[in-house]
Amino acid sequence: MLIQVNTDKHIEGNEELRRRVHDVVEGALGRYNDRISRVEVHLSDQNSGDRGGGNDKRCTLEVRLEGRPPTAVSHAAPTVEQAIDGAADKANRAVESTLERLSDLRRGGQPRT
């Protein structure tokens, strides 16, 4: 699984941040490593330091499952770390749900909604 990290001009994409993103994404999605070709991570600061407070740090994850259209999730939080954790949790649930639906269809069952 290739993990690509992108930041806006307001978030410093240093090596420590990249390592953290890789660790969190691997922890959340590692068990699907053979099914995921790539995860694109986009980190941004919505207020860009102009206004303080609020959930202005956003992490968007775009997960590319083999043979499926990309699945995108996003999470906003007060800190970059919390945004990454929240988005990774959402990505895990989204991938798990997608794979369960595919498994049900392969067994001839009704798709879950």
PDB file of N, CA and C in Angstrom:
ATOM      1  N   MET A   1       0.863  -1.164   0.000  1.00  0.00           N
ATOM      2  CA  MET A   1       0.000   0.000   0.000  1.00  0.00           C
ATOM      3  C   MET A   1       0.911   1.228   0.000  1.00  0.00           C
ATOM      4  N   LEU A   2       0.740   2.039  -1.002  1.00  0.00           N
ATOM      5  CA  LEU A   2       1.469   3.298  -1.108  1.00  0.00           C
ATOM      6  C   LEU A   2       0.678   4.376  -0.383  1.00  0.00           C
ATOM      7  N   ILE A   3       1.357   5.133   0.483  1.00  0.00           N
ATOM      8  CA  ILE A   3       0.706   6.219   1.211  1.00  0.00           C
ATOM      9  C   ILE A   3       1.351   7.523   0.765  1.00  0.00           C
ATOM     10  N   GLN A   4       0.550   8.381   0.177  1.00  0.00           N
ATOM     11  CA  GLN A   4       1.005   9.660  -0.363  1.00  0.00           C
ATOM     12  C   GLN A   4       0.457  10.777   0.522  1.00  0.00           C
ATOM     13  N   VAL A   5       1.340  11.641   1.035  1.00  0.00           N
ATOM     14  CA  VAL A   5       0.928  12.707   1.958  1.00  0.00           C
ATOM     15  C   VAL A   5       1.070  14.058   1.260  1.00  0.00           C
ATOM     16  N   ASN A   6      -0.012  14.822   1.272  1.00  0.00           N
ATOM     17  CA  ASN A   6      -0.027  16.162   0.691  1.00  0.00           C
ATOM     18  C   ASN A   6      -0.478  17.150   1.767  1.00  0.00           C
ATOM     19  N   THR A   7       0.168  18.316   1.803  1.00  0.00           N
ATOM     20  CA  THR A   7      -0.222  19.350   2.754  1.00  0.00           C
ATOM     21  C   THR A   7      -0.451  20.653   2.007  1.00  0.00           C
ATOM     22  N   ASP A   8      -1.282  21.513   2.611  1.00  0.00           N
ATOM     23  CA  ASP A   8      -1.437  22.837   2.022  1.00  0.00           C
ATOM     24  C   ASP A   8      -0.282  23.717   2.505  1.00  0.00           C
ATOM     25  N   LYS A   9      -0.264  24.955   2.075  1.00  0.00           N
ATOM     26  CA  LYS A   9       0.870  25.823   2.393  1.00  0.00           C
ATOM     27  C   LYS A   9       0.906  26.253   3.854  1.00  0.00           C
ATOM     28  N   HIS A  10      -0.123  25.930   4.616  1.00  0.00           N
ATOM     29  CA  HIS A  10      -0.184  26.328   6.016  1.00  0.00           C
ATOM     30  C   HIS A  10       0.234  25.223   6.975  1.00  0.00           C
ATOM     31  N   ILE A  11       0.469  24.028   6.461  1.00  0.00           N
ATOM     32  CA  ILE A  11       0.897  22.907   7.287  1.00  0.00           C
ATOM     33  C   ILE A  11       2.245  22.425   6.772  1.00  0.00           C
ATOM     34  N   GLU A  12       3.224  22.391   7.662  1.00  0.00           N
ATOM     35  CA  GLU A  12       4.566  21.971   7.286  1.00  0.00           C
ATOM     36  C   GLU A  12       4.598  20.449   7.167  1.00  0.00           C
ATOM     37  N   GLY A  13       4.875  19.979   5.977  1.00  0.00           N
ATOM     38  CA  GLY A  13       4.913  18.541   5.714  1.00  0.00           C
ATOM     39  C   GLY A  13       6.273  17.950   6.019  1.00  0.00           C
ATOM     40  N   ASN A  14       6.717  18.053   7.275  1.00  0.00           N
ATOM     41  CA  ASN A  14       8.039  17.545   7.639  1.00  0.00           C
ATOM     42  C   ASN A  14       8.028  16.025   7.792  1.00  0.00           C
ATOM     43  N   GLU A  15       9.208  15.469   7.996  1.00  0.00           N
ATOM     44  CA  GLU A  15       9.354  14.015   8.081  1.00  0.00           C
ATOM     45  C   GLU A  15       8.613  13.431   9.276  1.00  0.00           C
ATOM     46  N   GLU A  16       8.602  14.134  10.391  1.00  0.00           N
ATOM     47  CA  GLU A  16       7.892  13.657  11.575  1.00  0.00           C
ATOM     48  C   GLU A  16       6.394  13.513  11.300  1.00  0.00           C
ATOM     49  N   LEU A  17       5.819  14.504  10.619  1.00  0.00           N
ATOM     50  CA  LEU A  17       4.402  14.438  10.271  1.00  0.00           C
ATOM     51  C   LEU A  17       4.144  13.293   9.300  1.00  0.00           C
ATOM     52  N   ARG A  18       4.999  13.138   8.320  1.00  0.00           N
ATOM     53  CA  ARG A  18       4.826  12.048   7.356  1.00  0.00           C
ATOM     54  C   ARG A  18       4.899  10.681   8.045  1.00  0.00           C
ATOM     55  N   ARG A  19       5.833  10.532   8.987  1.00  0.00           N
ATOM     56  CA  ARG A  19       5.942   9.279   9.728  1.00  0.00           C
ATOM     57  C   ARG A  19       4.670   9.014  10.535  1.00  0.00           C
ATOM     58  N   ARG A  20       4.157  10.063  11.177  1.00  0.00           N
ATOM     59  CA  ARG A  20       2.927   9.906  11.964  1.00  0.00           C
ATOM     60  C   ARG A  20       1.773   9.482  11.085  1.00  0.00           C
ATOM     61  N   VAL A  21       1.628  10.134   9.941  1.00  0.00           N
ATOM     62  CA  VAL A  21       0.551   9.776   9.008  1.00  0.00           C
ATOM     63  C   VAL A  21       0.698   8.317   8.584  1.00  0.00           C
ATOM     64  N   HIS A  22       1.903   7.915   8.209  1.00  0.00           N
ATOM     65  CA  HIS A  22       2.123   6.527   7.783  1.00  0.00           C
ATOM     66  C   HIS A  22       1.771   5.550   8.901  1.00  0.00           C
ATOM     67  N   ASP A  23       2.209   5.843  10.120  1.00  0.00           N
ATOM     68  CA  ASP A  23       1.924   4.944  11.244  1.00  0.00           C
ATOM     69  C   ASP A  23       0.425   4.824  11.494  1.00  0.00           C
ATOM     70  N   VAL A  24      -0.276   5.949  11.489  1.00  0.00           N
ATOM     71  CA  VAL A  24      -1.721   5.927  11.766  1.00  0.00           C
ATOM     72  C   VAL A  24      -2.478   5.204  10.646  1.00  0.00           C
ATOM     73  N   VAL A  25      -2.151   5.511   9.403  1.00  0.00           N
ATOM     74  CA  VAL A  25      -2.838   4.876   8.272  1.00  0.00           C
ATOM     75  C   VAL A  25      -2.549   3.376   8.242  1.00  0.00           C
ATOM     76  N   GLU A  26      -1.289   3.000   8.453  1.00  0.00           N
ATOM     77  CA  GLU A  26      -0.940   1.572   8.497  1.00  0.00           C
ATOM     78  C   GLU A  26      -1.692   0.873   9.630  1.00  0.00           C
ATOM     79  N   GLY A  27      -1.780   1.531  10.785  1.00  0.00           N
ATOM     80  CA  GLY A  27      -2.490   0.947  11.915  1.00  0.00           C
ATOM     81  C   GLY A  27      -3.968   0.744  11.631  1.00  0.00           C
ATOM     82  N   ALA A  28      -4.567   1.686  10.929  1.00  0.00           N
ATOM     83  CA  ALA A  28      -6.001   1.614  10.651  1.00  0.00           C
ATOM     84  C   ALA A  28      -6.330   0.698   9.475  1.00  0.00           C
ATOM     85  N   LEU A  29      -5.474   0.696   8.452  1.00  0.00           N
ATOM     86  CA  LEU A  29      -5.804  -0.003   7.210  1.00  0.00           C
ATOM     87  C   LEU A  29      -4.848  -1.138   6.860  1.00  0.00           C
ATOM     88  N   GLY A  30      -3.851  -1.375   7.681  1.00  0.00           N
ATOM     89  CA  GLY A  30      -2.821  -2.364   7.377  1.00  0.00           C
ATOM     90  C   GLY A  30      -3.348  -3.755   7.089  1.00  0.00           C
ATOM     91  N   ARG A  31      -4.424  -4.136   7.760  1.00  0.00           N
ATOM     92  CA  ARG A  31      -4.953  -5.494   7.528  1.00  0.00           C
ATOM     93  C   ARG A  31      -5.543  -5.655   6.126  1.00  0.00           C
ATOM     94  N   TYR A  32      -5.783  -4.533   5.454  1.00  0.00           N
ATOM     95  CA  TYR A  32      -6.299  -4.574   4.082  1.00  0.00           C
ATOM     96  C   TYR A  32      -5.190  -4.302   3.071  1.00  0.00           C
ATOM     97  N   ASN A  33      -3.961  -4.390   3.505  1.00  0.00           N
ATOM     98  CA  ASN A  33      -2.806  -4.022   2.680  1.00  0.00           C
ATOM     99  C   ASN A  33      -2.832  -4.677   1.300  1.00  0.00           C
ATOM    100  N   ASP A  34      -3.258  -5.930   1.221  1.00  0.00           N
ATOM    101  CA  ASP A  34      -3.286  -6.636  -0.052  1.00  0.00           C
ATOM    102  C   ASP A  34      -4.437  -6.189  -0.957  1.00  0.00           C
ATOM    103  N   ARG A  35      -5.401  -5.453  -0.414  1.00  0.00           N
ATOM    104  CA  ARG A  35      -6.552  -4.996  -1.192  1.00  0.00           C
ATOM    105  C   ARG A  35      -6.477  -3.519  -1.570  1.00  0.00           C
ATOM    106  N   ILE A  36      -5.580  -2.763  -0.911  1.00  0.00           N
ATOM    107  CA  ILE A  36      -5.465  -1.319  -1.146  1.00  0.00           C
ATOM    108  C   ILE A  36      -4.195  -1.036  -1.939  1.00  0.00           C
ATOM    109  N   SER A  37      -4.350  -0.337  -3.050  1.00  0.00           N
ATOM    110  CA  SER A  37      -3.172   0.010  -3.840  1.00  0.00           C
ATOM    111  C   SER A  37      -2.538   1.314  -3.368  1.00  0.00           C
ATOM    112  N   ARG A  38      -3.382   2.268  -2.960  1.00  0.00           N
ATOM    113  CA  ARG A  38      -2.835   3.576  -2.589  1.00  0.00           C
ATOM    114  C   ARG A  38      -3.802   4.297  -1.662  1.00  0.00           C
ATOM    115  N   VAL A  39      -3.210   5.114  -0.770  1.00  0.00           N
ATOM    116  CA  VAL A  39      -3.986   6.008   0.083  1.00  0.00           C
ATOM    117  C   VAL A  39      -3.388   7.401  -0.103  1.00  0.00           C
ATOM    118  N   GLU A  40      -4.216   8.335  -0.526  1.00  0.00           N
ATOM    119  CA  GLU A  40      -3.776   9.723  -0.638  1.00  0.00           C
ATOM    120  C   GLU A  40      -4.302  10.478   0.575  1.00  0.00           C
ATOM    121  N   VAL A  41      -3.399  11.179   1.247  1.00  0.00           N
ATOM    122  CA  VAL A  41      -3.729  11.925   2.456  1.00  0.00           C
ATOM    123  C   VAL A  41      -3.559  13.406   2.147  1.00  0.00           C
ATOM    124  N   HIS A  42      -4.588  14.180   2.422  1.00  0.00           N
ATOM    125  CA  HIS A  42      -4.548  15.629   2.199  1.00  0.00           C
ATOM    126  C   HIS A  42      -4.796  16.314   3.534  1.00  0.00           C
ATOM    127  N   LEU A  43      -3.814  17.106   3.979  1.00  0.00           N
ATOM    128  CA  LEU A  43      -3.922  17.837   5.236  1.00  0.00           C
ATOM    129  C   LEU A  43      -4.027  19.318   4.939  1.00  0.00           C
ATOM    130  N   SER A  44      -4.976  19.975   5.615  1.00  0.00           N
ATOM    131  CA  SER A  44      -5.141  21.406   5.376  1.00  0.00           C
ATOM    132  C   SER A  44      -5.567  22.114   6.659  1.00  0.00           C
ATOM    133  N   ASP A  45      -5.287  23.404   6.673  1.00  0.00           N
ATOM    134  CA  ASP A  45      -5.697  24.284   7.757  1.00  0.00           C
ATOM    135  C   ASP A  45      -6.737  25.225   7.168  1.00  0.00           C
ATOM    136  N   GLN A  46      -7.989  25.003   7.519  1.00  0.00           N
ATOM    137  CA  GLN A  46      -9.095  25.736   6.907  1.00  0.00           C
ATOM    138  C   GLN A  46      -9.055  27.227   7.198  1.00  0.00           C
ATOM    139  N   ASN A  47      -8.606  27.602   8.398  1.00  0.00           N
ATOM    140  CA  ASN A  47      -8.556  29.022   8.757  1.00  0.00           C
ATOM    141  C   ASN A  47      -7.188  29.629   8.507  1.00  0.00           C
ATOM    142  N   SER A  48      -6.225  28.823   8.214  1.00  0.00           N
ATOM    143  CA  SER A  48      -4.859  29.241   7.890  1.00  0.00           C
ATOM    144  C   SER A  48      -4.267  30.208   8.903  1.00  0.00           C
ATOM    145  N   GLY A  49      -4.589  30.004  10.149  1.00  0.00           N
ATOM    146  CA  GLY A  49      -4.010  30.836  11.196  1.00  0.00           C
ATOM    147  C   GLY A  49      -4.651  32.196  11.356  1.00  0.00           C
ATOM    148  N   ASP A  50      -5.581  32.560  10.484  1.00  0.00           N
ATOM    149  CA  ASP A  50      -6.237  33.863  10.570  1.00  0.00           C
ATOM    150  C   ASP A  50      -7.127  33.960  11.800  1.00  0.00           C
ATOM    151  N   ARG A  51      -7.838  32.886  12.066  1.00  0.00           N
ATOM    152  CA  ARG A  51      -8.741  32.842  13.220  1.00  0.00           C
ATOM    153  C   ARG A  51      -8.376  31.614  14.035  1.00  0.00           C
ATOM    154  N   GLY A  52      -8.381  31.745  15.304  1.00  0.00           N
ATOM    155  CA  GLY A  52      -8.031  30.621  16.156  1.00  0.00           C
ATOM    156  C   GLY A  52      -9.236  29.792  16.521  1.00  0.00           C
ATOM    157  N   GLY A  53      -8.953  28.619  17.079  1.00  0.00           N
ATOM    158  CA  GLY A  53      -9.998  27.762  17.621  1.00  0.00           C
ATOM    159  C   GLY A  53     -10.798  27.020  16.585  1.00  0.00           C
ATOM    160  N   GLY A  54     -11.701  26.211  17.095  1.00  0.00           N
ATOM    161  CA  GLY A  54     -12.595  25.461  16.216  1.00  0.00           C
ATOM    162  C   GLY A  54     -11.927  24.250  15.602  1.00  0.00           C
ATOM    163  N   ASN A  55     -12.676  23.588  14.779  1.00  0.00           N
ATOM    164  CA  ASN A  55     -12.181  22.406  14.064  1.00  0.00           C
ATOM    165  C   ASN A  55     -11.678  22.827  12.701  1.00  0.00           C
ATOM    166  N   ASP A  56     -10.548  23.507  12.672  1.00  0.00           N
ATOM    167  CA  ASP A  56     -10.072  24.057  11.405  1.00  0.00           C
ATOM    168  C   ASP A  56      -8.990  23.225  10.724  1.00  0.00           C
ATOM    169  N   LYS A  57      -8.533  22.144  11.368  1.00  0.00           N
ATOM    170  CA  LYS A  57      -7.561  21.257  10.725  1.00  0.00           C
ATOM    171  C   LYS A  57      -8.345  20.124  10.077  1.00  0.00           C
ATOM    172  N   ARG A  58      -8.083  19.862   8.821  1.00  0.00           N
ATOM    173  CA  ARG A  58      -8.837  18.841   8.094  1.00  0.00           C
ATOM    174  C   ARG A  58      -7.892  17.812   7.489  1.00  0.00           C
ATOM    175  N   CYS A  59      -8.288  16.552   7.613  1.00  0.00           N
ATOM    176  CA  CYS A  59      -7.573  15.447   6.971  1.00  0.00           C
ATOM    177  C   CYS A  59      -8.566  14.716   6.080  1.00  0.00           C
ATOM    178  N   THR A  60      -8.224  14.617   4.813  1.00  0.00           N
ATOM    179  CA  THR A  60      -9.032  13.857   3.860  1.00  0.00           C
ATOM    180  C   THR A  60      -8.201  12.674   3.397  1.00  0.00           C
ATOM    181  N   LEU A  61      -8.779  11.481   3.458  1.00  0.00           N
ATOM    182  CA  LEU A  61      -8.116  10.265   2.987  1.00  0.00           C
ATOM    183  C   LEU A  61      -8.881   9.743   1.785  1.00  0.00           C
ATOM    184  N   GLU A  62      -8.162   9.464   0.739  1.00  0.00           N
ATOM    185  CA  GLU A  62      -8.752   8.834  -0.444  1.00  0.00           C
ATOM    186  C   GLU A  62      -8.120   7.456  -0.569  1.00  0.00           C
ATOM    187  N   VAL A  63      -8.931   6.432  -0.344  1.00  0.00           N
ATOM    188  CA  VAL A  63      -8.464   5.050  -0.340  1.00  0.00           C
ATOM    189  C   VAL A  63      -8.830   4.409  -1.662  1.00  0.00           C
ATOM    190  N   ARG A  64      -7.837   3.805  -2.285  1.00  0.00           N
ATOM    191  CA  ARG A  64      -8.064   3.144  -3.572  1.00  0.00           C
ATOM    192  C   ARG A  64      -7.978   1.627  -3.394  1.00  0.00           C
ATOM    193  N   LEU A  65      -9.161   1.013  -3.317  1.00  0.00           N
ATOM    194  CA  LEU A  65      -9.243  -0.445  -3.267  1.00  0.00           C
ATOM    195  C   LEU A  65      -9.080  -0.987  -4.681  1.00  0.00           C
ATOM    196  N   GLU A  66      -8.388  -2.099  -4.809  1.00  0.00           N
ATOM    197  CA  GLU A  66      -8.182  -2.720  -6.116  1.00  0.00           C
ATOM    198  C   GLU A  66      -9.530  -3.001  -6.789  1.00  0.00           C
ATOM    199  N   GLY A  67      -9.688  -2.533  -8.017  1.00  0.00           N
ATOM    200  CA  GLY A  67     -10.882  -2.803  -8.795  1.00  0.00           C
ATOM    201  C   GLY A  67     -12.128  -2.038  -8.371  1.00  0.00           C
ATOM    202  N   ARG A  68     -11.984  -1.049  -7.512  1.00  0.00           N
ATOM    203  CA  ARG A  68     -13.122  -0.276  -7.024  1.00  0.00           C
ATOM    204  C   ARG A  68     -12.846   1.206  -7.213  1.00  0.00           C
ATOM    205  N   PRO A  69     -13.894   2.013  -7.303  1.00  0.00           N
ATOM    206  CA  PRO A  69     -13.671   3.464  -7.335  1.00  0.00           C
ATOM    207  C   PRO A  69     -13.112   3.920  -5.986  1.00  0.00           C
ATOM    208  N   PRO A  70     -12.397   5.025  -5.953  1.00  0.00           N
ATOM    209  CA  PRO A  70     -11.823   5.503  -4.689  1.00  0.00           C
ATOM    210  C   PRO A  70     -12.910   5.822  -3.661  1.00  0.00           C
ATOM    211  N   THR A  71     -12.562   5.602  -2.408  1.00  0.00           N
ATOM    212  CA  THR A  71     -13.422   5.949  -1.284  1.00  0.00           C
ATOM    213  C   THR A  71     -12.762   7.104  -0.551  1.00  0.00           C
ATOM    214  N   ALA A  72     -13.485   8.197  -0.357  1.00  0.00           N
ATOM    215  CA  ALA A  72     -12.922   9.361   0.318  1.00  0.00           C
ATOM    216  C   ALA A  72     -13.662   9.617   1.623  1.00  0.00           C
ATOM    217  N   VAL A  73     -12.882   9.925   2.661  1.00  0.00           N
ATOM    218  CA  VAL A  73     -13.437  10.318   3.951  1.00  0.00           C
ATOM    219  C   VAL A  73     -12.685  11.553   4.418  1.00  0.00           C
ATOM    220  N   SER A  74     -13.310  12.316   5.289  1.00  0.00           N
ATOM    221  CA  SER A  74     -12.697  13.539   5.781  1.00  0.00           C
ATOM    222  C   SER A  74     -13.056  13.726   7.241  1.00  0.00           C
ATOM    223  N   HIS A  75     -12.137  14.349   7.977  1.00  0.00           N
ATOM    224  CA  HIS A  75     -12.398  14.633   9.384  1.00  0.00           C
ATOM    225  C   HIS A  75     -11.767  15.971   9.744  1.00  0.00           C
ATOM    226  N   ALA A  76     -12.522  16.809  10.436  1.00  0.00           N
ATOM    227  CA  ALA A  76     -12.019  18.100  10.905  1.00  0.00           C
ATOM    228  C   ALA A  76     -11.893  18.048  12.419  1.00  0.00           C
ATOM    229  N   ALA A  77     -10.823  18.672  12.941  1.00  0.00           N
ATOM    230  CA  ALA A  77     -10.558  18.651  14.373  1.00  0.00           C
ATOM    231  C   ALA A  77      -9.711  19.862  14.749  1.00  0.00           C
ATOM    232  N   PRO A  78      -9.540  20.108  16.040  1.00  0.00           N
ATOM    233  CA  PRO A  78      -8.722  21.250  16.474  1.00  0.00           C
ATOM    234  C   PRO A  78      -7.232  21.096  16.153  1.00  0.00           C
ATOM    235  N   THR A  79      -6.736  19.840  16.072  1.00  0.00           N
ATOM    236  CA  THR A  79      -5.315  19.632  15.775  1.00  0.00           C
ATOM    237  C   THR A  79      -5.157  18.712  14.567  1.00  0.00           C
ATOM    238  N   VAL A  80      -4.014  18.794  13.931  1.00  0.00           N
ATOM    239  CA  VAL A  80      -3.721  17.933  12.778  1.00  0.00           C
ATOM    240  C   VAL A  80      -3.739  16.471  13.208  1.00  0.00           C
ATOM    241  N   GLU A  81      -3.163  16.175  14.366  1.00  0.00           N
ATOM    242  CA  GLU A  81      -3.103  14.793  14.850  1.00  0.00           C
ATOM    243  C   GLU A  81      -4.499  14.213  15.051  1.00  0.00           C
ATOM    244  N   GLN A  82      -5.395  14.993  15.632  1.00  0.00           N
ATOM    245  CA  GLN A  82      -6.768  14.522  15.839  1.00  0.00           C
ATOM    246  C   GLN A  82      -7.493  14.353  14.507  1.00  0.00           C
ATOM    247  N   ALA A  83      -7.226  15.223  13.567  1.00  0.00           N
ATOM    248  CA  ALA A  83      -7.846  15.108  12.242  1.00  0.00           C
ATOM    249  C   ALA A  83      -7.384  13.830  11.544  1.00  0.00           C
ATOM    250  N   ILE A  84      -6.086  13.520  11.654  1.00  0.00           N
ATOM    251  CA  ILE A  84      -5.542  12.300  11.044  1.00  0.00           C
ATOM    252  C   ILE A  84      -6.178  11.071  11.683  1.00  0.00           C
ATOM    253  N   ASP A  85      -6.224  11.042  13.012  1.00  0.00           N
ATOM    254  CA  ASP A  85      -6.810   9.896  13.722  1.00  0.00           C
ATOM    255  C   ASP A  85      -8.278   9.695  13.344  1.00  0.00           C
ATOM    256  N   GLY A  86      -9.036  10.783  13.309  1.00  0.00           N
ATOM    257  CA  GLY A  86     -10.455  10.690  12.971  1.00  0.00           C
ATOM    258  C   GLY A  86     -10.692  10.207  11.554  1.00  0.00           C
ATOM    259  N   ALA A  87      -9.903  10.730  10.616  1.00  0.00           N
ATOM    260  CA  ALA A  87     -10.051  10.312   9.218  1.00  0.00           C
ATOM    261  C   ALA A  87      -9.649   8.846   9.045  1.00  0.00           C
ATOM    262  N   ALA A  88      -8.610   8.419   9.740  1.00  0.00           N
ATOM    263  CA  ALA A  88      -8.173   7.018   9.648  1.00  0.00           C
ATOM    264  C   ALA A  88      -9.253   6.078  10.182  1.00  0.00           C
ATOM    265  N   ASP A  89      -9.887   6.453  11.291  1.00  0.00           N
ATOM    266  CA  ASP A  89     -10.987   5.637  11.828  1.00  0.00           C
ATOM    267  C   ASP A  89     -12.130   5.545  10.823  1.00  0.00           C
ATOM    268  N   LYS A  90     -12.489   6.670  10.233  1.00  0.00           N
ATOM    269  CA  LYS A  90     -13.571   6.671   9.235  1.00  0.00           C
ATOM    270  C   LYS A  90     -13.192   5.836   8.018  1.00  0.00           C
ATOM    271  N   ALA A  91     -11.944   5.927   7.577  1.00  0.00           N
ATOM    272  CA  ALA A  91     -11.488   5.145   6.416  1.00  0.00           C
ATOM    273  C   ALA A  91     -11.570   3.655   6.721  1.00  0.00           C
ATOM    274  N   ASN A  92     -11.175   3.271   7.924  1.00  0.00           N
ATOM    275  CA  ASN A  92     -11.244   1.870   8.315  1.00  0.00           C
ATOM    276  C   ASN A  92     -12.682   1.370   8.238  1.00  0.00           C
ATOM    277  N   ARG A  93     -13.606   2.127   8.793  1.00  0.00           N
ATOM    278  CA  ARG A  93     -15.020   1.719   8.754  1.00  0.00           C
ATOM    279  C   ARG A  93     -15.545   1.664   7.322  1.00  0.00           C
ATOM    280  N   ALA A  94     -15.157   2.625   6.490  1.00  0.00           N
ATOM    281  CA  ALA A  94     -15.632   2.664   5.103  1.00  0.00           C
ATOM    282  C   ALA A  94     -15.111   1.468   4.302  1.00  0.00           C
ATOM    283  N   VAL A  95     -13.830   1.151   4.468  1.00  0.00           N
ATOM    284  CA  VAL A  95     -13.250   0.011   3.749  1.00  0.00           C
ATOM    285  C   VAL A  95     -13.872  -1.286   4.238  1.00  0.00           C
ATOM    286  N   GLU A  96     -14.018  -1.421   5.548  1.00  0.00           N
ATOM    287  CA  GLU A  96     -14.627  -2.620   6.113  1.00  0.00           C
ATOM    288  C   GLU A  96     -16.045  -2.809   5.568  1.00  0.00           C
ATOM    289  N   SER A  97     -16.816  -1.745   5.529  1.00  0.00           N
ATOM    290  CA  SER A  97     -18.180  -1.804   5.027  1.00  0.00           C
ATOM    291  C   SER A  97     -18.219  -2.190   3.548  1.00  0.00           C
ATOM    292  N   THR A  98     -17.354  -1.583   2.764  1.00  0.00           N
ATOM    293  CA  THR A  98     -17.289  -1.885   1.329  1.00  0.00           C
ATOM    294  C   THR A  98     -16.944  -3.353   1.109  1.00  0.00           C
ATOM    295  N   LEU A  99     -15.956  -3.861   1.808  1.00  0.00           N
ATOM    296  CA  LEU A  99     -15.540  -5.246   1.629  1.00  0.00           C
ATOM    297  C   LEU A  99     -16.606  -6.226   2.118  1.00  0.00           C
ATOM    298  N   GLU A 100     -17.328  -5.870   3.176  1.00  0.00           N
ATOM    299  CA  GLU A 100     -18.430  -6.724   3.643  1.00  0.00           C
ATOM    300  C   GLU A 100     -19.536  -6.800   2.595  1.00  0.00           C
ATOM    301  N   ARG A 101     -19.870  -5.650   1.994  1.00  0.00           N
ATOM    302  CA  ARG A 101     -20.901  -5.646   0.950  1.00  0.00           C
ATOM    303  C   ARG A 101     -20.464  -6.503  -0.241  1.00  0.00           C
ATOM    304  N   LEU A 102     -19.218  -6.388  -0.638  1.00  0.00           N
ATOM    305  CA  LEU A 102     -18.715  -7.189  -1.759  1.00  0.00           C
ATOM    306  C   LEU A 102     -18.755  -8.678  -1.420  1.00  0.00           C
ATOM    307  N   SER A 103     -18.402  -9.011  -0.205  1.00  0.00           N
ATOM    308  CA  SER A 103     -18.431 -10.402   0.237  1.00  0.00           C
ATOM    309  C   SER A 103     -19.857 -10.947   0.217  1.00  0.00           C
ATOM    310  N   ASP A 104     -20.825 -10.154   0.690  1.00  0.00           N
ATOM    311  CA  ASP A 104     -22.226 -10.563   0.663  1.00  0.00           C
ATOM    312  C   ASP A 104     -22.702 -10.814  -0.763  1.00  0.00           C
ATOM    313  N   LEU A 105     -22.311  -9.935  -1.675  1.00  0.00           N
ATOM    314  CA  LEU A 105     -22.722 -10.080  -3.069  1.00  0.00           C
ATOM    315  C   LEU A 105     -22.122 -11.346  -3.688  1.00  0.00           C
ATOM    316  N   ARG A 106     -20.884 -11.626  -3.353  1.00  0.00           N
ATOM    317  CA  ARG A 106     -20.231 -12.826  -3.898  1.00  0.00           C
ATOM    318  C   ARG A 106     -20.891 -14.104  -3.404  1.00  0.00           C
ATOM    319  N   ARG A 107     -21.419 -14.053  -2.175  1.00  0.00           N
ATOM    320  CA  ARG A 107     -22.111 -15.221  -1.618  1.00  0.00           C
ATOM    321  C   ARG A 107     -23.557 -15.309  -2.085  1.00  0.00           C
ATOM    322  N   GLY A 108     -23.983 -14.361  -2.906  1.00  0.00           N
ATOM    323  CA  GLY A 108     -25.339 -14.392  -3.419  1.00  0.00           C
ATOM    324  C   GLY A 108     -26.371 -13.772  -2.503  1.00  0.00           C
ATOM    325  N   GLY A 109     -25.912 -13.097  -1.475  1.00  0.00           N
ATOM    326  CA  GLY A 109     -26.828 -12.465  -0.535  1.00  0.00           C
ATOM    327  C   GLY A 109     -27.283 -11.114  -1.039  1.00  0.00           C
ATOM    328  N   GLN A 110     -28.105 -10.510  -0.249  1.00  0.00           N
ATOM    329  CA  GLN A 110     -28.575  -9.161  -0.569  1.00  0.00           C
ATOM    330  C   GLN A 110     -27.534  -8.145  -0.141  1.00  0.00           C
ATOM    331  N   PRO A 111     -27.319  -7.119  -0.944  1.00  0.00           N
ATOM    332  CA  PRO A 111     -26.354  -6.096  -0.544  1.00  0.00           C
ATOM    333  C   PRO A 111     -26.848  -5.337   0.674  1.00  0.00           C
ATOM    334  N   ARG A 112     -25.893  -4.968   1.523  1.00  0.00           N
ATOM    335  CA  ARG A 112     -26.232  -4.153   2.683  1.00  0.00           C
ATOM    336  C   ARG A 112     -26.372  -2.706   2.277  1.00  0.00           C
ATOM    337  N   THR A 113     -27.237  -2.027   2.941  1.00  0.00           N
ATOM    338  CA  THR A 113     -27.422  -0.596   2.623  1.00  0.00           C
ATOM    339  C   THR A 113     -26.888   0.257   3.727  1.00  0.00           C
TER     340      THR A 113
END
